[in-house]
Amino acid sequence: MISPVAAIDCGTNSVRLLITADGRTQIERLMRITRLGQGVDATGRLAPDAIQRTLEVLREYREVIVRHGVTRLRMAATSASRDASNRDEFFDAAFEILGVRPELISGEEEGRLSFLGATADLDPSDGPFLICDIGGGSTEFVWGTSASESVVSIDVGCVRITEAWLHSDPTTAEELSQALSIIELYLDDVLRELPQAPTAKTFVGLAGTISNAASVELGLVSYDRDQIHHFVLTKEAVEDVFRTLATESIADRMHNPGLEEQRADVIVGGLCVLVSTMRKFGFSECLVSESDILDGLAMSMLSEPLTN
């Protein structure tokens, strides 16, 4: 019997856990929003309360990991930790809880792992793929067909854009215009480094912003991975969800079926990234994938031989 492995993705906005024995069947998949990157763009440090919220979730995950007899664990720390001068304080505390030190991964490695997870159940004949992973603090664009060939990581994400530009409730037209203009400048950089991006046969979107956009479009009362995974979001649907959520107050936004309550304050910032990308690159649809960096982390362990 193959012993299960566990992967933890510790991002700017959420902390997620996957336990699997084969990389395809999930034993557990959990997500908690802890907002580890709260204020880090302005201060360059992880806030004490954000660290404590995240450590509480890691304690919860540790109990789940032990219960399932996990033999190997990888924890990846991404944008918020990359930007924080006091990340070792958090990493030391995480090690005490998990017995494994978080791995500070680069945007390029984040993209490679996201590609590995997102394309595992896609047909290579539908490639080349452009993977777009919109996180809390960064967004990765990954080009490839059967393997990741090029990765570009930019410092825009749902939390970073919200904290920097979207201060009103509801968001004003001027704030939205400023945010979209800034994102477009970053996308110019993507095109310089990855000029083939708009020619991708399949545009694949990952992470909470895109999953929530699909869930809102579907009108789901509760999360349903089977309905969201590989749902096709048209550009018209994305623009409609964006217009709806961007013109509502946070209190009103929460009542949209399919939108996670804890994501209501940053969803517009994330949608700014998605809308800008589809406009800039000319994509008419986005294939939603619920398999991402978390799945890539797990698969990376399952492909490695066991060592004593």
Protein backbone atom coordinates (compact mmCIF):
# COMPACT_ATOMS: atom_id res chain seq x y z
CA MET A 1 0.00 0.00 0.00
CA ILE A 2 1.34 3.42 -0.96
CA SER A 3 1.61 5.81 1.98
CA PRO A 4 -0.07 9.17 1.42
CA VAL A 5 1.87 12.40 0.97
CA ALA A 6 0.82 15.89 2.06
CA ALA A 7 1.37 19.23 0.35
CA ILE A 8 0.77 22.65 1.89
CA ASP A 9 0.63 25.81 -0.21
CA CYS A 10 1.10 28.87 2.00
CA GLY A 11 0.21 31.91 -0.06
CA THR A 12 -0.50 35.57 0.49
CA ASN A 13 -4.22 35.05 0.97
CA SER A 14 -4.83 31.39 1.80
CA VAL A 15 -3.22 28.24 3.19
CA ARG A 16 -4.22 24.98 1.53
CA LEU A 17 -3.61 21.30 2.27
CA LEU A 18 -3.76 18.30 -0.04
CA ILE A 19 -3.30 14.69 1.05
CA THR A 20 -3.13 12.06 -1.68
CA ALA A 21 -1.59 8.66 -2.31
CA ASP A 22 -1.56 8.74 -6.10
CA GLY A 23 -1.64 12.41 -7.12
CA ARG A 24 -5.10 12.09 -8.69
CA THR A 25 -7.40 10.96 -5.87
CA GLN A 26 -7.63 13.35 -2.94
CA ILE A 27 -7.88 11.99 0.58
CA GLU A 28 -8.19 15.50 2.03
CA ARG A 29 -8.23 18.93 0.40
CA LEU A 30 -8.64 21.87 2.76
CA MET A 31 -8.42 25.64 2.36
CA ARG A 32 -8.34 28.39 4.97
CA ILE A 33 -8.02 32.11 4.28
CA THR A 34 -5.49 33.58 6.72
CA ARG A 35 -4.29 36.65 4.77
CA LEU A 36 -0.62 36.03 5.67
CA GLY A 37 0.35 38.85 3.30
CA GLN A 38 -1.74 41.45 5.13
CA GLY A 39 0.14 44.75 4.76
CA VAL A 40 3.39 43.14 3.69
CA ASP A 41 3.56 45.20 0.50
CA ALA A 42 3.64 48.40 2.58
CA THR A 43 5.74 47.26 5.55
CA GLY A 44 7.99 44.56 4.10
CA ARG A 45 7.12 42.39 7.12
CA LEU A 46 4.61 39.71 8.03
CA ALA A 47 2.16 41.12 10.58
CA PRO A 48 2.16 39.33 13.97
CA ASP A 49 -1.59 38.64 13.85
CA ALA A 50 -1.29 37.30 10.29
CA ILE A 51 1.47 34.94 11.43
CA GLN A 52 -0.66 33.72 14.33
CA ARG A 53 -3.70 33.11 12.12
CA THR A 54 -1.56 31.05 9.76
CA LEU A 55 0.10 29.06 12.55
CA GLU A 56 -3.33 28.16 13.96
CA VAL A 57 -4.25 26.68 10.58
CA LEU A 58 -0.96 24.77 10.43
CA ARG A 59 -1.79 23.24 13.83
CA GLU A 60 -5.14 22.15 12.44
CA TYR A 61 -3.45 20.68 9.37
CA ARG A 62 -0.89 18.87 11.50
CA GLU A 63 -3.69 16.94 13.20
CA VAL A 64 -5.14 15.94 9.83
CA ILE A 65 -1.70 14.91 8.53
CA VAL A 66 -1.03 12.69 11.56
CA ARG A 67 -4.49 11.14 11.38
CA HIS A 68 -3.91 9.98 7.81
CA GLY A 69 -0.46 8.53 8.46
CA VAL A 70 1.34 10.83 6.03
CA THR A 71 4.98 9.87 5.46
CA ARG A 72 6.18 12.85 3.39
CA LEU A 73 5.28 16.52 3.50
CA ARG A 74 6.25 19.58 1.48
CA MET A 75 5.19 23.09 2.39
CA ALA A 76 5.75 25.85 -0.15
CA ALA A 77 5.77 29.51 0.85
CA THR A 78 5.22 31.99 -1.96
CA SER A 79 4.83 35.72 -2.59
CA ALA A 80 4.14 37.09 0.91
CA SER A 81 7.08 35.19 2.37
CA ARG A 82 9.36 36.17 -0.51
CA ASP A 83 8.67 39.84 0.27
CA ALA A 84 8.92 39.65 4.08
CA SER A 85 12.12 40.45 5.97
CA ASN A 86 10.90 38.50 9.04
CA ARG A 87 9.91 35.31 7.21
CA ASP A 88 12.39 33.22 9.23
CA GLU A 89 10.40 33.99 12.37
CA PHE A 90 7.36 32.45 10.69
CA PHE A 91 9.35 29.57 9.17
CA ASP A 92 10.86 28.65 12.57
CA ALA A 93 7.40 28.53 14.16
CA ALA A 94 6.00 26.50 11.26
CA PHE A 95 8.86 24.00 11.60
CA GLU A 96 8.04 23.54 15.30
CA ILE A 97 4.48 22.63 14.36
CA LEU A 98 5.03 20.51 11.24
CA GLY A 99 8.53 19.11 11.64
CA VAL A 100 9.26 20.34 8.12
CA ARG A 101 10.61 23.76 7.27
CA PRO A 102 8.66 25.72 4.65
CA GLU A 103 10.39 26.01 1.28
CA LEU A 104 10.68 29.56 -0.02
CA ILE A 105 10.04 29.03 -3.71
CA SER A 106 10.63 31.51 -6.49
CA GLY A 107 7.94 32.73 -8.84
CA GLU A 108 9.50 30.56 -11.54
CA GLU A 109 9.31 27.41 -9.40
CA GLU A 110 5.77 28.34 -8.37
CA GLY A 111 4.83 28.51 -12.04
CA ARG A 112 6.50 25.21 -12.87
CA LEU A 113 4.65 23.40 -10.08
CA SER A 114 1.36 25.05 -11.06
CA PHE A 115 1.83 23.87 -14.66
CA LEU A 116 2.57 20.34 -13.45
CA GLY A 117 -0.65 20.24 -11.43
CA ALA A 118 -2.90 22.05 -13.92
CA THR A 119 -1.97 19.98 -16.98
CA ALA A 120 -1.86 16.54 -15.37
CA ASP A 121 -5.37 15.70 -16.62
CA LEU A 122 -5.31 17.76 -19.82
CA ASP A 123 -4.70 16.38 -23.31
CA PRO A 124 -1.38 17.68 -24.72
CA SER A 125 -3.12 18.02 -28.09
CA ASP A 126 -5.05 20.92 -26.54
CA GLY A 127 -1.75 22.73 -26.06
CA PRO A 128 0.24 24.81 -26.12
CA PHE A 129 -1.18 26.03 -22.83
CA LEU A 130 -0.86 29.38 -21.13
CA ILE A 131 -1.39 28.85 -17.41
CA CYS A 132 -2.41 31.93 -15.40
CA ASP A 133 -2.13 31.53 -11.62
CA ILE A 134 -3.55 34.61 -9.88
CA GLY A 135 -2.40 34.61 -6.28
CA GLY A 136 -2.66 37.11 -3.47
CA GLY A 137 0.67 38.82 -4.09
CA SER A 138 1.86 37.59 -7.47
CA THR A 139 0.59 36.14 -10.74
CA GLU A 140 2.47 33.51 -12.71
CA PHE A 141 2.17 32.93 -16.46
CA VAL A 142 3.47 29.57 -17.66
CA TRP A 143 3.83 28.47 -21.28
CA GLY A 144 4.20 24.89 -22.41
CA THR A 145 2.58 21.78 -23.86
CA SER A 146 3.76 18.59 -22.19
CA ALA A 147 6.05 20.43 -19.79
CA SER A 148 6.65 23.96 -18.54
CA GLU A 149 8.84 25.79 -21.05
CA SER A 150 8.73 29.43 -19.92
CA VAL A 151 7.58 31.15 -16.72
CA VAL A 152 7.01 34.83 -16.00
CA SER A 153 6.05 36.00 -12.52
CA ILE A 154 4.71 39.51 -11.89
CA ASP A 155 4.02 41.31 -8.63
CA VAL A 156 0.27 41.72 -8.98
CA GLY A 157 -2.35 39.70 -7.13
CA CYS A 158 -5.75 40.09 -5.50
CA VAL A 159 -4.42 41.29 -2.13
CA ARG A 160 -1.60 43.44 -3.52
CA ILE A 161 -3.86 45.24 -6.02
CA THR A 162 -6.59 45.76 -3.41
CA GLU A 163 -4.27 47.19 -0.79
CA ALA A 164 -2.46 49.45 -3.26
CA TRP A 165 -5.33 50.79 -5.37
CA LEU A 166 -8.86 49.75 -4.31
CA HIS A 167 -9.53 51.70 -1.13
CA SER A 168 -13.20 52.72 -1.45
CA ASP A 169 -16.29 50.66 -0.73
CA PRO A 170 -17.72 50.26 -3.28
CA THR A 171 -14.69 50.68 -5.51
CA THR A 172 -14.73 53.89 -7.55
CA ALA A 173 -14.38 54.01 -11.32
CA GLU A 174 -11.16 56.01 -10.92
CA GLU A 175 -9.62 53.37 -8.64
CA LEU A 176 -10.56 50.60 -11.06
CA SER A 177 -9.06 52.55 -13.96
CA GLN A 178 -5.80 53.07 -12.05
CA ALA A 179 -5.58 49.39 -11.09
CA LEU A 180 -6.26 48.22 -14.64
CA SER A 181 -3.65 50.64 -16.02
CA ILE A 182 -0.99 49.38 -13.59
CA ILE A 183 -1.77 45.75 -14.41
CA GLU A 184 -1.53 46.50 -18.13
CA LEU A 185 2.01 47.79 -17.63
CA TYR A 186 2.95 44.53 -15.95
CA LEU A 187 1.32 42.59 -18.80
CA ASP A 188 3.52 44.54 -21.23
CA ASP A 189 6.47 43.00 -19.37
CA VAL A 190 4.91 39.54 -19.74
CA LEU A 191 4.60 40.03 -23.49
CA ARG A 192 8.22 41.15 -23.76
CA GLU A 193 9.41 37.99 -22.01
CA LEU A 194 6.73 35.67 -23.35
CA PRO A 195 5.68 37.07 -26.77
CA GLN A 196 3.98 33.81 -27.76
CA ALA A 197 1.48 34.07 -24.85
CA PRO A 198 -1.52 35.26 -26.91
CA THR A 199 -1.10 32.35 -29.36
CA ALA A 200 -1.81 29.66 -26.73
CA LYS A 201 -4.42 27.15 -27.88
CA THR A 202 -5.83 26.86 -24.35
CA PHE A 203 -5.82 29.55 -21.67
CA VAL A 204 -6.02 27.91 -18.24
CA GLY A 205 -6.86 29.83 -15.05
CA LEU A 206 -5.96 28.77 -11.53
CA ALA A 207 -6.59 29.78 -7.92
CA GLY A 208 -9.32 31.40 -5.84
CA THR A 209 -10.15 34.44 -7.95
CA ILE A 210 -10.89 32.32 -11.01
CA SER A 211 -12.63 29.54 -9.09
CA ASN A 212 -14.88 32.09 -7.42
CA ALA A 213 -15.64 33.78 -10.74
CA ALA A 214 -16.74 30.39 -12.10
CA SER A 215 -18.73 29.65 -8.96
CA VAL A 216 -20.54 33.00 -9.18
CA GLU A 217 -21.25 32.47 -12.88
CA LEU A 218 -22.67 29.02 -12.07
CA GLY A 219 -24.63 30.41 -9.09
CA LEU A 220 -23.39 27.66 -6.78
CA VAL A 221 -24.85 27.75 -3.27
CA SER A 222 -21.90 25.73 -1.96
CA TYR A 223 -18.49 24.81 -3.34
CA ASP A 224 -18.60 21.97 -5.86
CA ARG A 225 -15.21 21.02 -7.26
CA ASP A 226 -16.70 18.75 -9.91
CA GLN A 227 -18.74 21.59 -11.41
CA ILE A 228 -15.93 24.15 -11.28
CA HIS A 229 -13.01 21.99 -12.49
CA HIS A 230 -12.70 22.41 -16.27
CA PHE A 231 -15.66 24.77 -16.47
CA VAL A 232 -15.19 27.17 -19.39
CA LEU A 233 -15.51 30.84 -18.44
CA THR A 234 -16.22 32.96 -21.49
CA LYS A 235 -14.81 36.48 -21.73
CA GLU A 236 -18.39 37.79 -21.64
CA ALA A 237 -19.04 35.91 -18.40
CA VAL A 238 -15.83 37.22 -16.83
CA GLU A 239 -16.69 40.80 -17.79
CA ASP A 240 -20.22 40.37 -16.41
CA VAL A 241 -19.03 38.99 -13.06
CA PHE A 242 -16.42 41.77 -12.88
CA ARG A 243 -19.00 44.52 -13.54
CA THR A 244 -21.40 43.06 -10.99
CA LEU A 245 -18.92 42.62 -8.13
CA ALA A 246 -16.93 45.80 -8.81
CA THR A 247 -20.00 48.04 -8.49
CA GLU A 248 -21.26 46.48 -5.24
CA SER A 249 -20.23 47.23 -1.68
CA ILE A 250 -18.46 44.43 0.18
CA ALA A 251 -21.61 43.83 2.26
CA ASP A 252 -23.74 43.42 -0.88
CA ARG A 253 -21.05 41.44 -2.68
CA MET A 254 -21.16 38.72 -0.02
CA HIS A 255 -24.71 37.79 -1.03
CA ASN A 256 -23.67 36.61 -4.51
CA PRO A 257 -24.07 32.80 -4.61
CA GLY A 258 -20.70 31.18 -5.19
CA LEU A 259 -18.55 33.92 -3.66
CA GLU A 260 -16.55 32.97 -0.56
CA GLU A 261 -17.35 35.49 2.16
CA GLN A 262 -13.71 35.83 3.21
CA ARG A 263 -12.72 36.63 -0.37
CA ALA A 264 -15.31 39.38 -0.88
CA ASP A 265 -12.91 42.22 -0.04
CA VAL A 266 -10.19 41.15 -2.53
CA ILE A 267 -12.10 39.47 -5.36
CA VAL A 268 -12.34 42.67 -7.41
CA GLY A 269 -8.55 43.09 -7.28
CA GLY A 270 -8.12 39.55 -8.57
CA LEU A 271 -10.73 40.04 -11.29
CA CYS A 272 -8.84 43.15 -12.43
CA VAL A 273 -5.92 40.83 -13.23
CA LEU A 274 -8.08 38.26 -15.02
CA VAL A 275 -10.05 40.83 -17.05
CA SER A 276 -6.88 42.70 -18.02
CA THR A 277 -5.18 39.49 -19.14
CA MET A 278 -8.08 38.31 -21.30
CA ARG A 279 -8.42 41.77 -22.87
CA LYS A 280 -4.70 42.22 -23.47
CA PHE A 281 -4.03 38.76 -24.88
CA GLY A 282 -7.32 38.45 -26.76
CA PHE A 283 -8.57 35.26 -25.11
CA SER A 284 -12.27 34.52 -25.63
CA GLU A 285 -12.44 31.90 -22.88
CA CYS A 286 -10.66 30.58 -19.82
CA LEU A 287 -10.56 26.91 -18.82
CA VAL A 288 -10.87 26.78 -15.03
CA SER A 289 -8.61 24.28 -13.26
CA GLU A 290 -8.93 23.29 -9.63
CA SER A 291 -5.64 21.39 -9.94
CA ASP A 292 -2.69 23.69 -9.38
CA ILE A 293 0.53 24.20 -7.40
CA LEU A 294 -0.85 22.08 -4.56
CA ASP A 295 -1.26 19.11 -6.89
CA GLY A 296 2.14 19.83 -8.42
CA LEU A 297 3.78 19.71 -4.99
CA ALA A 298 2.17 16.36 -4.23
CA MET A 299 3.12 14.93 -7.62
CA SER A 300 6.71 16.05 -7.13
CA MET A 301 6.92 13.87 -4.02
CA LEU A 302 5.20 10.88 -5.61
CA SER A 303 7.68 10.94 -8.49
CA GLU A 304 10.65 10.79 -6.10
CA PRO A 305 11.94 7.44 -4.80
CA LEU A 306 11.50 6.77 -1.11
CA THR A 307 14.70 7.05 0.92
CA ASN A 308 15.43 5.57 4.31
